[in-house]
């Protein structure tokens, strides 16, 4: 059997073929003093490979799809009997240190939404980032 996913934007269903984790980093010489002050860019992303009825393989961001069924069973059937399972959002893994937060692939989005977050102290950063994740994932 297979894992069936729904593409959120189009509502079309596809077969989940696999997952991937991408990371990139690049640097180029800066305008002032060249290589001494390079312009650096880096990022991370979670991707999934999906296929439609024509057999074409496409990659998309993991957050752009949702699982509909696994091996022909709905997720509610699979999770029946496990504690604290409900139709509501069940949460995201909380990060425990500022280093974990800064290494998380969503950190750049967190900072981009509010650049003042760059000045948050370590303990408060973890708490605010975890709260932001919970709010972001409930919509």
N, C-alpha and C. Protein backbone atom coordinates (compact mmCIF):
# COMPACT_ATOMS: atom_id res chain seq x y z
N UNK A 1 0.85 -1.18 0.00
CA UNK A 1 0.00 0.00 0.00
C UNK A 1 0.90 1.24 0.00
N UNK A 2 0.27 2.40 0.19
CA UNK A 2 1.01 3.63 0.05
C UNK A 2 0.52 4.69 1.02
N UNK A 3 1.29 5.75 1.12
CA UNK A 3 0.88 6.93 1.88
C UNK A 3 0.32 7.93 0.88
N UNK A 4 -0.94 8.30 1.07
CA UNK A 4 -1.61 9.25 0.18
C UNK A 4 -1.59 10.62 0.85
N UNK A 5 -1.19 11.63 0.08
CA UNK A 5 -1.17 13.00 0.59
C UNK A 5 -2.06 13.88 -0.27
N UNK A 6 -2.45 15.01 0.32
CA UNK A 6 -3.22 16.01 -0.42
C UNK A 6 -2.39 17.27 -0.49
N UNK A 7 -2.24 17.81 -1.70
CA UNK A 7 -1.54 19.07 -1.88
C UNK A 7 -2.50 20.17 -1.42
N UNK A 8 -2.12 20.93 -0.40
CA UNK A 8 -3.02 21.89 0.22
C UNK A 8 -3.55 22.94 -0.76
N UNK A 9 -2.68 23.46 -1.60
CA UNK A 9 -3.07 24.55 -2.51
C UNK A 9 -4.08 24.10 -3.55
N UNK A 10 -3.86 22.95 -4.17
CA UNK A 10 -4.72 22.51 -5.27
C UNK A 10 -5.80 21.52 -4.83
N UNK A 11 -5.60 20.86 -3.70
CA UNK A 11 -6.54 19.86 -3.25
C UNK A 11 -6.37 18.51 -3.94
N UNK A 12 -5.39 18.39 -4.83
CA UNK A 12 -5.16 17.14 -5.54
C UNK A 12 -4.45 16.14 -4.65
N UNK A 13 -4.74 14.86 -4.89
CA UNK A 13 -4.11 13.80 -4.12
C UNK A 13 -2.93 13.22 -4.89
N UNK A 14 -1.96 12.72 -4.13
CA UNK A 14 -0.75 12.13 -4.74
C UNK A 14 -0.21 11.07 -3.79
N UNK A 15 0.70 10.28 -4.32
CA UNK A 15 1.38 9.25 -3.52
C UNK A 15 2.68 9.85 -3.00
N UNK A 16 2.93 9.67 -1.71
CA UNK A 16 4.18 10.12 -1.11
C UNK A 16 5.25 9.08 -1.41
N UNK A 17 6.30 9.50 -2.12
CA UNK A 17 7.38 8.58 -2.49
C UNK A 17 8.53 8.61 -1.50
N UNK A 18 8.78 9.77 -0.92
CA UNK A 18 9.90 9.88 0.01
C UNK A 18 10.05 11.30 0.51
N UNK A 19 10.98 11.47 1.42
CA UNK A 19 11.24 12.79 2.00
C UNK A 19 12.71 13.13 1.85
N UNK A 20 12.99 14.39 1.91
CA UNK A 20 14.37 14.85 1.82
C UNK A 20 14.57 16.08 2.66
N UNK A 21 15.78 16.30 3.05
CA UNK A 21 16.13 17.47 3.84
C UNK A 21 17.24 18.18 3.11
N UNK A 22 17.00 19.42 2.77
CA UNK A 22 18.00 20.15 2.02
C UNK A 22 18.61 21.27 2.84
N UNK A 23 19.87 21.50 2.63
CA UNK A 23 20.57 22.61 3.26
C UNK A 23 21.52 23.20 2.24
N UNK A 24 21.68 24.50 2.29
CA UNK A 24 22.59 25.14 1.35
C UNK A 24 23.34 26.27 2.05
N UNK A 25 24.47 26.59 1.50
CA UNK A 25 25.27 27.69 2.00
C UNK A 25 26.11 28.21 0.85
N UNK A 26 26.14 29.50 0.70
CA UNK A 26 26.96 30.08 -0.36
C UNK A 26 27.56 31.40 0.12
N UNK A 27 28.63 31.78 -0.50
CA UNK A 27 29.29 33.04 -0.16
C UNK A 27 29.86 33.64 -1.43
N UNK A 28 29.79 34.95 -1.51
CA UNK A 28 30.42 35.65 -2.63
C UNK A 28 31.14 36.88 -2.07
N UNK A 29 32.07 37.36 -2.82
CA UNK A 29 32.86 38.51 -2.37
C UNK A 29 31.95 39.72 -2.17
N UNK A 30 32.18 40.43 -1.08
CA UNK A 30 31.41 41.63 -0.81
C UNK A 30 31.87 42.79 -1.66
N UNK A 31 31.06 43.84 -1.70
CA UNK A 31 31.39 45.02 -2.51
C UNK A 31 32.57 45.79 -1.92
N UNK A 32 32.65 45.74 -0.58
CA UNK A 32 33.73 46.46 0.09
C UNK A 32 34.71 45.44 0.66
N UNK A 33 35.94 45.51 0.30
CA UNK A 33 37.02 44.65 0.77
C UNK A 33 36.83 43.19 0.38
N UNK A 34 36.09 42.94 -0.67
CA UNK A 34 36.00 41.61 -1.29
C UNK A 34 35.81 40.45 -0.36
N UNK A 35 36.81 39.55 -0.33
CA UNK A 35 36.71 38.31 0.43
C UNK A 35 36.80 38.51 1.95
N UNK A 36 37.25 39.68 2.39
CA UNK A 36 37.33 39.90 3.83
C UNK A 36 35.94 40.02 4.46
N UNK A 37 34.97 40.52 3.72
CA UNK A 37 33.60 40.66 4.19
C UNK A 37 32.65 40.07 3.16
N UNK A 38 32.63 38.72 3.07
CA UNK A 38 31.79 38.09 2.05
C UNK A 38 30.30 38.21 2.39
N UNK A 39 29.49 38.13 1.35
CA UNK A 39 28.04 38.09 1.51
C UNK A 39 27.68 36.60 1.56
N UNK A 40 27.11 36.18 2.68
CA UNK A 40 26.81 34.77 2.87
C UNK A 40 25.30 34.54 2.94
N UNK A 41 24.87 33.43 2.40
CA UNK A 41 23.47 33.01 2.47
C UNK A 41 23.43 31.53 2.80
N UNK A 42 22.48 31.15 3.63
CA UNK A 42 22.31 29.73 3.92
C UNK A 42 20.86 29.48 4.30
N UNK A 43 20.46 28.24 4.24
CA UNK A 43 19.10 27.88 4.60
C UNK A 43 18.91 26.38 4.62
N UNK A 44 17.75 25.99 5.13
CA UNK A 44 17.40 24.58 5.23
C UNK A 44 15.94 24.43 4.81
N UNK A 45 15.59 23.27 4.28
CA UNK A 45 14.19 23.03 3.94
C UNK A 45 13.88 21.55 3.94
N UNK A 46 12.65 21.21 4.32
CA UNK A 46 12.18 19.84 4.29
C UNK A 46 11.34 19.68 3.04
N UNK A 47 11.65 18.67 2.24
CA UNK A 47 10.96 18.45 0.98
C UNK A 47 10.38 17.04 0.95
N UNK A 48 9.34 16.87 0.14
CA UNK A 48 8.76 15.55 -0.07
C UNK A 48 8.66 15.30 -1.58
N UNK A 49 8.87 14.05 -1.96
CA UNK A 49 8.70 13.65 -3.35
C UNK A 49 7.33 13.00 -3.47
N UNK A 50 6.53 13.48 -4.42
CA UNK A 50 5.19 12.95 -4.63
C UNK A 50 5.01 12.61 -6.10
N UNK A 51 4.02 11.75 -6.37
CA UNK A 51 3.73 11.37 -7.75
C UNK A 51 2.23 11.33 -7.95
N UNK A 52 1.80 11.75 -9.14
CA UNK A 52 0.37 11.73 -9.47
C UNK A 52 0.07 10.52 -10.35
N UNK A 53 -1.11 10.48 -10.93
CA UNK A 53 -1.52 9.31 -11.73
C UNK A 53 -0.71 9.14 -13.01
N UNK A 54 -0.06 10.19 -13.49
CA UNK A 54 0.74 10.07 -14.71
C UNK A 54 2.14 9.54 -14.42
N UNK A 55 2.49 9.44 -13.13
CA UNK A 55 3.80 8.93 -12.76
C UNK A 55 4.88 9.99 -12.68
N UNK A 56 4.53 11.24 -12.93
CA UNK A 56 5.52 12.31 -12.82
C UNK A 56 5.90 12.51 -11.36
N UNK A 57 7.18 12.67 -11.10
CA UNK A 57 7.67 12.90 -9.75
C UNK A 57 7.89 14.40 -9.57
N UNK A 58 7.34 14.93 -8.49
CA UNK A 58 7.50 16.35 -8.17
C UNK A 58 7.99 16.48 -6.74
N UNK A 59 8.79 17.51 -6.49
CA UNK A 59 9.23 17.83 -5.14
C UNK A 59 8.47 19.04 -4.66
N UNK A 60 8.03 19.03 -3.42
CA UNK A 60 7.38 20.21 -2.85
C UNK A 60 7.75 20.30 -1.37
N UNK A 61 7.51 21.45 -0.79
CA UNK A 61 7.82 21.64 0.62
C UNK A 61 6.90 20.78 1.47
N UNK A 62 7.43 20.23 2.53
CA UNK A 62 6.67 19.33 3.40
C UNK A 62 5.43 20.01 3.97
N UNK A 63 5.52 21.31 4.25
CA UNK A 63 4.36 22.00 4.83
C UNK A 63 3.25 22.24 3.81
N UNK A 64 3.50 21.97 2.53
CA UNK A 64 2.50 22.18 1.49
C UNK A 64 1.62 20.96 1.23
N UNK A 65 1.87 19.86 1.97
CA UNK A 65 1.05 18.66 1.81
C UNK A 65 0.59 18.17 3.17
N UNK A 66 -0.49 17.39 3.17
CA UNK A 66 -0.94 16.76 4.41
C UNK A 66 -1.28 15.31 4.12
N UNK A 67 -1.02 14.44 5.07
CA UNK A 67 -1.26 13.01 4.90
C UNK A 67 -2.75 12.73 5.01
N UNK A 68 -3.28 11.98 4.06
CA UNK A 68 -4.69 11.61 4.03
C UNK A 68 -4.86 10.19 4.58
N UNK A 69 -4.03 9.26 4.10
CA UNK A 69 -4.14 7.87 4.56
C UNK A 69 -2.79 7.17 4.43
N UNK A 70 -2.65 6.10 5.22
CA UNK A 70 -1.46 5.27 5.18
C UNK A 70 -1.92 3.83 5.03
N UNK A 71 -1.46 3.16 4.00
CA UNK A 71 -1.84 1.78 3.73
C UNK A 71 -3.36 1.59 3.72
N UNK A 72 -4.05 2.57 3.16
CA UNK A 72 -5.50 2.47 3.02
C UNK A 72 -6.29 2.80 4.26
N UNK A 73 -5.63 3.18 5.35
CA UNK A 73 -6.33 3.50 6.59
C UNK A 73 -6.19 4.99 6.88
N UNK A 74 -7.26 5.59 7.41
CA UNK A 74 -7.20 7.00 7.78
C UNK A 74 -6.31 7.15 9.01
N UNK A 75 -5.80 8.34 9.21
CA UNK A 75 -4.93 8.58 10.36
C UNK A 75 -5.68 8.39 11.67
N UNK A 76 -6.96 8.75 11.72
CA UNK A 76 -7.72 8.56 12.95
C UNK A 76 -7.86 7.08 13.29
N UNK A 77 -8.01 6.21 12.26
CA UNK A 77 -8.06 4.77 12.51
C UNK A 77 -6.72 4.25 13.04
N UNK A 78 -5.63 4.74 12.46
CA UNK A 78 -4.30 4.29 12.87
C UNK A 78 -4.00 4.73 14.30
N UNK A 79 -4.41 5.95 14.66
CA UNK A 79 -4.07 6.51 15.97
C UNK A 79 -5.07 6.16 17.07
N UNK A 80 -6.13 5.44 16.74
CA UNK A 80 -7.12 5.06 17.73
C UNK A 80 -6.45 4.27 18.85
N UNK A 81 -6.78 4.64 20.09
CA UNK A 81 -6.22 3.95 21.23
C UNK A 81 -5.00 4.60 21.84
N UNK A 82 -4.43 5.58 21.16
CA UNK A 82 -3.29 6.28 21.72
C UNK A 82 -3.77 7.45 22.55
N UNK A 83 -3.10 7.73 23.66
CA UNK A 83 -3.51 8.78 24.59
C UNK A 83 -3.41 10.16 23.95
N UNK A 84 -4.33 11.01 24.34
CA UNK A 84 -4.32 12.43 23.97
C UNK A 84 -4.40 12.69 22.47
N UNK A 85 -4.98 11.80 21.72
CA UNK A 85 -5.16 12.04 20.29
C UNK A 85 -6.55 12.63 20.09
N UNK A 86 -6.60 13.74 19.38
CA UNK A 86 -7.88 14.39 19.13
C UNK A 86 -7.85 15.02 17.75
N UNK A 87 -8.97 15.62 17.36
CA UNK A 87 -9.02 16.30 16.07
C UNK A 87 -8.28 17.63 16.12
N UNK A 88 -7.95 18.11 17.30
CA UNK A 88 -7.24 19.37 17.44
C UNK A 88 -5.75 19.17 17.17
N UNK A 89 -5.07 20.25 16.98
CA UNK A 89 -3.63 20.21 16.75
C UNK A 89 -2.94 19.57 17.96
N UNK A 90 -2.08 18.58 17.72
CA UNK A 90 -1.46 17.87 18.84
C UNK A 90 -0.10 18.45 19.23
N UNK A 91 0.32 19.52 18.59
CA UNK A 91 1.54 20.19 19.02
C UNK A 91 2.74 19.88 18.15
N UNK A 92 3.80 20.63 18.40
CA UNK A 92 5.06 20.44 17.69
C UNK A 92 6.13 20.15 18.73
N UNK A 93 7.18 19.45 18.34
CA UNK A 93 8.24 19.21 19.31
C UNK A 93 8.85 20.54 19.75
N UNK A 94 8.92 20.75 21.04
CA UNK A 94 9.46 22.01 21.55
C UNK A 94 10.98 21.94 21.61
N UNK A 95 11.61 23.04 21.28
CA UNK A 95 13.06 23.12 21.31
C UNK A 95 13.49 23.55 22.70
N UNK A 96 14.67 23.10 23.11
CA UNK A 96 15.09 23.30 24.50
C UNK A 96 16.21 24.31 24.69
N UNK A 97 16.92 24.67 23.63
CA UNK A 97 18.03 25.61 23.80
C UNK A 97 18.03 26.63 22.67
N UNK A 98 18.70 27.76 22.93
CA UNK A 98 18.81 28.80 21.92
C UNK A 98 19.56 28.29 20.70
N UNK A 99 20.54 27.42 20.90
CA UNK A 99 21.27 26.84 19.76
C UNK A 99 20.35 26.00 18.89
N UNK A 100 19.45 25.22 19.53
CA UNK A 100 18.47 24.43 18.78
C UNK A 100 17.59 25.35 17.95
N UNK A 101 17.17 26.46 18.55
CA UNK A 101 16.30 27.41 17.84
C UNK A 101 17.03 27.97 16.63
N UNK A 102 18.25 28.41 16.81
CA UNK A 102 19.00 29.03 15.71
C UNK A 102 19.36 28.03 14.62
N UNK A 103 19.42 26.74 14.95
CA UNK A 103 19.69 25.71 13.96
C UNK A 103 18.43 25.24 13.25
N UNK A 104 17.26 25.61 13.77
CA UNK A 104 16.00 25.15 13.19
C UNK A 104 15.77 25.84 11.84
N UNK A 105 15.24 25.06 10.87
CA UNK A 105 15.05 25.60 9.52
C UNK A 105 14.00 26.71 9.48
N UNK A 106 13.16 26.87 10.51
CA UNK A 106 12.12 27.91 10.53
C UNK A 106 12.60 29.19 11.19
N UNK A 107 13.82 29.20 11.72
CA UNK A 107 14.34 30.37 12.44
C UNK A 107 14.39 31.61 11.56
N UNK A 108 14.81 31.43 10.31
CA UNK A 108 14.90 32.59 9.41
C UNK A 108 13.53 33.24 9.21
N UNK A 109 12.49 32.44 9.06
CA UNK A 109 11.14 32.98 8.92
C UNK A 109 10.72 33.71 10.20
N UNK A 110 11.05 33.15 11.34
CA UNK A 110 10.76 33.75 12.65
C UNK A 110 11.38 35.14 12.74
N UNK A 111 12.64 35.26 12.33
CA UNK A 111 13.36 36.53 12.37
C UNK A 111 12.81 37.50 11.32
N UNK A 112 12.52 37.00 10.13
CA UNK A 112 12.04 37.85 9.05
C UNK A 112 10.72 38.53 9.40
N UNK A 113 9.85 37.81 10.09
CA UNK A 113 8.56 38.38 10.49
C UNK A 113 8.72 39.57 11.42
N UNK A 114 9.75 39.54 12.27
CA UNK A 114 9.99 40.63 13.22
C UNK A 114 11.49 40.71 13.51
N UNK A 115 12.23 41.59 12.80
CA UNK A 115 13.68 41.68 12.96
C UNK A 115 14.13 42.00 14.39
N UNK A 116 13.25 42.57 15.22
CA UNK A 116 13.62 42.85 16.61
C UNK A 116 13.85 41.57 17.40
N UNK A 117 13.39 40.43 16.88
CA UNK A 117 13.60 39.14 17.55
C UNK A 117 15.08 38.77 17.61
N UNK A 118 15.91 39.40 16.79
CA UNK A 118 17.34 39.12 16.82
C UNK A 118 17.96 39.49 18.16
N UNK A 119 17.33 40.42 18.89
CA UNK A 119 17.90 40.89 20.16
C UNK A 119 17.33 40.16 21.38
N UNK A 120 16.55 39.11 21.18
CA UNK A 120 15.97 38.37 22.29
C UNK A 120 17.05 37.53 22.97
N UNK A 121 17.05 37.52 24.30
CA UNK A 121 18.01 36.73 25.07
C UNK A 121 17.69 35.25 24.98
N UNK A 122 18.67 34.41 25.25
CA UNK A 122 18.59 32.96 25.05
C UNK A 122 17.35 32.30 25.63
N UNK A 123 17.10 32.45 26.93
CA UNK A 123 15.96 31.77 27.55
C UNK A 123 14.64 32.25 26.97
N UNK A 124 14.53 33.55 26.79
CA UNK A 124 13.30 34.11 26.23
C UNK A 124 13.14 33.71 24.76
N UNK A 125 14.24 33.57 24.05
CA UNK A 125 14.20 33.18 22.64
C UNK A 125 13.55 31.81 22.49
N UNK A 126 13.95 30.86 23.31
CA UNK A 126 13.40 29.51 23.24
C UNK A 126 11.89 29.55 23.49
N UNK A 127 11.48 30.24 24.54
CA UNK A 127 10.06 30.33 24.88
C UNK A 127 9.26 31.00 23.77
N UNK A 128 9.74 32.12 23.24
CA UNK A 128 8.99 32.84 22.20
C UNK A 128 8.97 32.07 20.89
N UNK A 129 10.06 31.39 20.55
CA UNK A 129 10.09 30.60 19.32
C UNK A 129 9.11 29.44 19.41
N UNK A 130 9.10 28.72 20.54
CA UNK A 130 8.17 27.60 20.73
C UNK A 130 6.72 28.08 20.67
N UNK A 131 6.43 29.23 21.27
CA UNK A 131 5.08 29.79 21.22
C UNK A 131 4.72 30.15 19.77
N UNK A 132 5.67 30.73 19.04
CA UNK A 132 5.45 31.10 17.63
C UNK A 132 5.15 29.84 16.80
N UNK A 133 5.89 28.75 17.07
CA UNK A 133 5.65 27.50 16.35
C UNK A 133 4.24 26.97 16.61
N UNK A 134 3.81 27.01 17.87
CA UNK A 134 2.48 26.52 18.21
C UNK A 134 1.40 27.35 17.52
N UNK A 135 1.55 28.66 17.52
CA UNK A 135 0.57 29.54 16.87
C UNK A 135 0.58 29.30 15.36
N UNK A 136 1.76 29.25 14.77
CA UNK A 136 1.89 29.06 13.32
C UNK A 136 1.25 27.75 12.86
N UNK A 137 1.40 26.70 13.65
CA UNK A 137 0.89 25.39 13.25
C UNK A 137 -0.57 25.14 13.59
N UNK A 138 -1.24 26.10 14.22
CA UNK A 138 -2.66 25.91 14.50
C UNK A 138 -3.52 26.49 13.40
N UNK A 139 -2.93 27.19 12.45
CA UNK A 139 -3.72 27.78 11.36
C UNK A 139 -3.61 26.97 10.12
